[in-house]
Amino acid sequence: MYYATAGISELEIPNNKSLVIYISECQNKCVDCHTPFLHNKYGEILKDNFSDIFELFYNYFDVLCIMGEGKGRYKEKQEIQYYCEYAHKHNKKFALYSGRDCNIEDWMKDFDYIKIGSYKKEYGSLSSNTTNQILYKKDKDEFVNITRLFWNNKP
């Protein structure tokens, strides 16, 4: 998988600081995507740089957040699972922003957070209470929808 950039954000996972790594070759190609350059192969090979990025930012984040699944093939899913295991071994949580219209899949079962759903302008982003996107948090062995934590008018 190729990554375009990495950095710290407080926007992706409520009440957490995240090390966000943007993956290119996104297959979703959402209309009005805020990062359309990620639709193409762009950047460097993540596995060649991952441990250096992780160590560089280690003291500044709680959650490793991978933005995208690349081509979404079996080998990309295995690579993402590896990053989850690595984060857990180093006392960090793990999040995947999938962006696909899907349910939580078996290969995602060990993740702490999962965002699913493509961006659809008419429904808005995660901050809109009409969004089709959902952020789940793992609580014991269940995934709980925590999307409402992004909304200004939280019920």
C-alpha atoms as a PDB file:
ATOM      1  CA  MET A   1       0.000   0.000   0.000  1.00  0.00           C
ATOM      2  CA  TYR A   2       1.077   3.528  -0.715  1.00  0.00           C
ATOM      3  CA  TYR A   3       0.577   6.419   1.673  1.00  0.00           C
ATOM      4  CA  ALA A   4       0.421  10.087   0.783  1.00  0.00           C
ATOM      5  CA  THR A   5       0.965  11.720   4.163  1.00  0.00           C
ATOM      6  CA  ALA A   6       0.815  11.185   7.914  1.00  0.00           C
ATOM      7  CA  GLY A   7       0.144  13.512  10.826  1.00  0.00           C
ATOM      8  CA  ILE A   8      -1.618  14.087  14.116  1.00  0.00           C
ATOM      9  CA  SER A   9      -5.332  14.954  14.247  1.00  0.00           C
ATOM     10  CA  GLU A  10      -7.925  15.375  16.994  1.00  0.00           C
ATOM     11  CA  LEU A  11     -10.822  15.185  14.513  1.00  0.00           C
ATOM     12  CA  GLU A  12     -11.044  11.519  13.493  1.00  0.00           C
ATOM     13  CA  ILE A  13     -11.754   9.691  16.769  1.00  0.00           C
ATOM     14  CA  PRO A  14     -13.723  11.576  19.456  1.00  0.00           C
ATOM     15  CA  ASN A  15     -11.743  12.401  22.600  1.00  0.00           C
ATOM     16  CA  ASN A  16      -8.522  10.967  21.134  1.00  0.00           C
ATOM     17  CA  LYS A  17      -5.466  12.166  19.289  1.00  0.00           C
ATOM     18  CA  SER A  18      -4.815  10.111  16.184  1.00  0.00           C
ATOM     19  CA  LEU A  19      -1.834   9.401  14.037  1.00  0.00           C
ATOM     20  CA  VAL A  20      -3.576   9.581  10.672  1.00  0.00           C
ATOM     21  CA  ILE A  21      -2.013   7.870   7.668  1.00  0.00           C
ATOM     22  CA  TYR A  22      -3.662   8.580   4.310  1.00  0.00           C
ATOM     23  CA  ILE A  23      -3.598   5.599   1.940  1.00  0.00           C
ATOM     24  CA  SER A  24      -3.693   6.165  -1.818  1.00  0.00           C
ATOM     25  CA  GLU A  25      -5.247   4.073  -4.629  1.00  0.00           C
ATOM     26  CA  CYS A  26      -8.693   4.428  -3.043  1.00  0.00           C
ATOM     27  CA  GLN A  27     -11.241   2.373  -4.926  1.00  0.00           C
ATOM     28  CA  ASN A  28     -14.299   4.215  -3.557  1.00  0.00           C
ATOM     29  CA  LYS A  29     -13.833   7.330  -5.714  1.00  0.00           C
ATOM     30  CA  CYS A  30     -16.656   9.176  -3.929  1.00  0.00           C
ATOM     31  CA  VAL A  31     -18.170  12.108  -5.805  1.00  0.00           C
ATOM     32  CA  ASP A  32     -17.023  15.361  -4.127  1.00  0.00           C
ATOM     33  CA  CYS A  33     -14.241  13.516  -2.277  1.00  0.00           C
ATOM     34  CA  HIS A  34     -12.174  15.943  -0.170  1.00  0.00           C
ATOM     35  CA  THR A  35      -8.942  14.118  -1.137  1.00  0.00           C
ATOM     36  CA  PRO A  36      -9.378  13.085  -4.790  1.00  0.00           C
ATOM     37  CA  PHE A  37      -5.613  12.773  -5.300  1.00  0.00           C
ATOM     38  CA  LEU A  38      -5.857   9.602  -3.181  1.00  0.00           C
ATOM     39  CA  HIS A  39      -7.805   7.896  -5.980  1.00  0.00           C
ATOM     40  CA  ASN A  40      -4.512   7.316  -7.787  1.00  0.00           C
ATOM     41  CA  LYS A  41      -1.247   5.660  -6.832  1.00  0.00           C
ATOM     42  CA  TYR A  42       0.533   8.404  -4.915  1.00  0.00           C
ATOM     43  CA  GLY A  43       3.234   8.570  -2.285  1.00  0.00           C
ATOM     44  CA  GLU A  44       5.591   6.004  -0.866  1.00  0.00           C
ATOM     45  CA  ILE A  45       5.277   2.380   0.216  1.00  0.00           C
ATOM     46  CA  LEU A  46       3.896   2.417   3.760  1.00  0.00           C
ATOM     47  CA  LYS A  47       5.524  -0.786   5.004  1.00  0.00           C
ATOM     48  CA  ASP A  48       8.951   0.682   4.169  1.00  0.00           C
ATOM     49  CA  ASN A  49       8.332   3.691   6.418  1.00  0.00           C
ATOM     50  CA  PHE A  50       5.715   2.559   8.923  1.00  0.00           C
ATOM     51  CA  SER A  51       7.868   1.856  11.983  1.00  0.00           C
ATOM     52  CA  ASP A  52       9.727   5.165  11.549  1.00  0.00           C
ATOM     53  CA  ILE A  53       6.437   7.097  11.309  1.00  0.00           C
ATOM     54  CA  PHE A  54       4.987   5.245  14.293  1.00  0.00           C
ATOM     55  CA  GLU A  55       8.065   5.907  16.446  1.00  0.00           C
ATOM     56  CA  LEU A  56       8.333   9.549  15.375  1.00  0.00           C
ATOM     57  CA  PHE A  57       4.780  10.315  16.517  1.00  0.00           C
ATOM     58  CA  TYR A  58       4.480   7.743  19.330  1.00  0.00           C
ATOM     59  CA  ASN A  59       4.248  10.219  22.214  1.00  0.00           C
ATOM     60  CA  TYR A  60       1.624  12.364  20.475  1.00  0.00           C
ATOM     61  CA  PHE A  61      -1.245   9.975  19.725  1.00  0.00           C
ATOM     62  CA  ASP A  62      -3.634   7.447  21.263  1.00  0.00           C
ATOM     63  CA  VAL A  63      -5.039   5.869  18.093  1.00  0.00           C
ATOM     64  CA  LEU A  64      -3.382   4.815  14.854  1.00  0.00           C
ATOM     65  CA  CYS A  65      -5.929   5.743  12.174  1.00  0.00           C
ATOM     66  CA  ILE A  66      -5.516   4.317   8.673  1.00  0.00           C
ATOM     67  CA  MET A  67      -7.513   6.331   6.135  1.00  0.00           C
ATOM     68  CA  GLY A  68      -8.481   3.992   3.336  1.00  0.00           C
ATOM     69  CA  GLU A  69      -7.873   0.449   2.199  1.00  0.00           C
ATOM     70  CA  GLY A  70      -5.886   1.065  -0.958  1.00  0.00           C
ATOM     71  CA  LYS A  71      -6.934  -1.398  -3.622  1.00  0.00           C
ATOM     72  CA  GLY A  72      -8.898  -3.368  -1.013  1.00  0.00           C
ATOM     73  CA  ARG A  73      -7.442  -6.731  -1.970  1.00  0.00           C
ATOM     74  CA  TYR A  74      -6.600  -9.547   0.409  1.00  0.00           C
ATOM     75  CA  LYS A  75      -2.961  -8.439   0.726  1.00  0.00           C
ATOM     76  CA  GLU A  76      -3.985  -4.882   1.672  1.00  0.00           C
ATOM     77  CA  LYS A  77      -6.353  -6.256   4.308  1.00  0.00           C
ATOM     78  CA  GLN A  78      -3.531  -8.388   5.728  1.00  0.00           C
ATOM     79  CA  GLU A  79      -1.254  -5.363   5.816  1.00  0.00           C
ATOM     80  CA  ILE A  80      -3.898  -3.309   7.645  1.00  0.00           C
ATOM     81  CA  GLN A  81      -4.356  -6.152  10.151  1.00  0.00           C
ATOM     82  CA  TYR A  82      -0.601  -6.099  10.732  1.00  0.00           C
ATOM     83  CA  TYR A  83      -0.738  -2.368  11.560  1.00  0.00           C
ATOM     84  CA  CYS A  84      -3.553  -3.071  14.022  1.00  0.00           C
ATOM     85  CA  GLU A  85      -1.509  -5.781  15.738  1.00  0.00           C
ATOM     86  CA  TYR A  86       1.537  -3.505  15.803  1.00  0.00           C
ATOM     87  CA  ALA A  87      -0.459  -0.682  17.389  1.00  0.00           C
ATOM     88  CA  HIS A  88      -1.907  -2.991  20.035  1.00  0.00           C
ATOM     89  CA  LYS A  89       1.553  -4.427  20.852  1.00  0.00           C
ATOM     90  CA  HIS A  90       2.712  -0.861  21.430  1.00  0.00           C
ATOM     91  CA  ASN A  91      -0.257   0.086  23.653  1.00  0.00           C
ATOM     92  CA  LYS A  92      -2.114   2.116  21.047  1.00  0.00           C
ATOM     93  CA  LYS A  93      -5.633   1.717  19.703  1.00  0.00           C
ATOM     94  CA  PHE A  94      -6.369   1.173  16.028  1.00  0.00           C
ATOM     95  CA  ALA A  95      -8.929   2.720  13.669  1.00  0.00           C
ATOM     96  CA  LEU A  96      -9.764   2.115  10.027  1.00  0.00           C
ATOM     97  CA  TYR A  97     -11.650   4.695   8.003  1.00  0.00           C
ATOM     98  CA  SER A  98     -12.832   2.347   5.280  1.00  0.00           C
ATOM     99  CA  GLY A  99     -15.097   4.623   3.303  1.00  0.00           C
ATOM    100  CA  ARG A 100     -16.793   1.632   1.701  1.00  0.00           C
ATOM    101  CA  ASP A 101     -20.511   0.960   1.835  1.00  0.00           C
ATOM    102  CA  CYS A 102     -20.293  -2.301   3.758  1.00  0.00           C
ATOM    103  CA  ASN A 103     -20.899  -3.948   7.080  1.00  0.00           C
ATOM    104  CA  ILE A 104     -18.131  -4.683   9.557  1.00  0.00           C
ATOM    105  CA  GLU A 105     -16.265  -7.656   8.103  1.00  0.00           C
ATOM    106  CA  ASP A 106     -14.543 -10.550   9.889  1.00  0.00           C
ATOM    107  CA  TRP A 107     -11.065  -9.269   9.069  1.00  0.00           C
ATOM    108  CA  MET A 108     -11.890  -6.044  10.966  1.00  0.00           C
ATOM    109  CA  LYS A 109     -12.862  -7.771  14.232  1.00  0.00           C
ATOM    110  CA  ASP A 110      -9.762  -6.733  16.179  1.00  0.00           C
ATOM    111  CA  PHE A 111      -9.978  -3.036  15.310  1.00  0.00           C
ATOM    112  CA  ASP A 112     -10.952  -0.572  18.037  1.00  0.00           C
ATOM    113  CA  TYR A 113     -12.760   1.824  15.672  1.00  0.00           C
ATOM    114  CA  ILE A 114     -14.172   1.379  12.178  1.00  0.00           C
ATOM    115  CA  LYS A 115     -15.740   4.011   9.940  1.00  0.00           C
ATOM    116  CA  ILE A 116     -17.807   2.710   7.065  1.00  0.00           C
ATOM    117  CA  GLY A 117     -19.887   4.388   4.401  1.00  0.00           C
ATOM    118  CA  SER A 118     -18.907   6.355   1.347  1.00  0.00           C
ATOM    119  CA  TYR A 119     -19.164  10.134   1.327  1.00  0.00           C
ATOM    120  CA  LYS A 120     -22.471  11.240  -0.164  1.00  0.00           C
ATOM    121  CA  LYS A 121     -22.810  15.015  -0.354  1.00  0.00           C
ATOM    122  CA  GLU A 122     -26.598  14.913   0.044  1.00  0.00           C
ATOM    123  CA  TYR A 123     -26.235  13.167   3.442  1.00  0.00           C
ATOM    124  CA  GLY A 124     -23.239  15.136   4.677  1.00  0.00           C
ATOM    125  CA  SER A 125     -20.106  14.111   6.515  1.00  0.00           C
ATOM    126  CA  LEU A 126     -19.815  12.481   9.938  1.00  0.00           C
ATOM    127  CA  SER A 127     -20.596  15.840  11.556  1.00  0.00           C
ATOM    128  CA  SER A 128     -24.097  15.825  10.019  1.00  0.00           C
ATOM    129  CA  ASN A 129     -26.895  13.966  11.802  1.00  0.00           C
ATOM    130  CA  THR A 130     -28.178  12.909   8.355  1.00  0.00           C
ATOM    131  CA  THR A 131     -24.907  11.204   7.344  1.00  0.00           C
ATOM    132  CA  ASN A 132     -24.866   7.722   5.871  1.00  0.00           C
ATOM    133  CA  GLN A 133     -21.374   7.204   7.316  1.00  0.00           C
ATOM    134  CA  ILE A 134     -21.017   5.392  10.640  1.00  0.00           C
ATOM    135  CA  LEU A 135     -18.177   5.310  13.147  1.00  0.00           C
ATOM    136  CA  TYR A 136     -18.159   2.241  15.375  1.00  0.00           C
ATOM    137  CA  LYS A 137     -16.232   1.727  18.600  1.00  0.00           C
ATOM    138  CA  LYS A 138     -15.488  -1.757  19.851  1.00  0.00           C
ATOM    139  CA  ASP A 139     -16.878  -2.333  23.320  1.00  0.00           C
ATOM    140  CA  LYS A 140     -15.926  -5.798  24.566  1.00  0.00           C
ATOM    141  CA  ASP A 141     -16.937  -7.997  21.613  1.00  0.00           C
ATOM    142  CA  GLU A 142     -19.533  -5.660  20.099  1.00  0.00           C
ATOM    143  CA  PHE A 143     -19.247  -2.624  17.864  1.00  0.00           C
ATOM    144  CA  VAL A 144     -21.277   0.355  19.052  1.00  0.00           C
ATOM    145  CA  ASN A 145     -22.303   3.212  16.766  1.00  0.00           C
ATOM    146  CA  ILE A 146     -20.713   6.403  18.159  1.00  0.00           C
ATOM    147  CA  THR A 147     -21.337   8.643  15.148  1.00  0.00           C
ATOM    148  CA  ARG A 148     -23.514  10.997  17.221  1.00  0.00           C
ATOM    149  CA  LEU A 149     -20.386  12.162  19.072  1.00  0.00           C
ATOM    150  CA  PHE A 150     -19.513  14.176  15.942  1.00  0.00           C
ATOM    151  CA  TRP A 151     -22.805  16.048  15.863  1.00  0.00           C
ATOM    152  CA  ASN A 152     -23.182  19.529  17.301  1.00  0.00           C
ATOM    153  CA  ASN A 153     -26.755  18.804  18.396  1.00  0.00           C
ATOM    154  CA  LYS A 154     -25.956  15.565  20.242  1.00  0.00           C
ATOM    155  CA  PRO A 155     -29.103  13.864  21.550  1.00  0.00           C
END
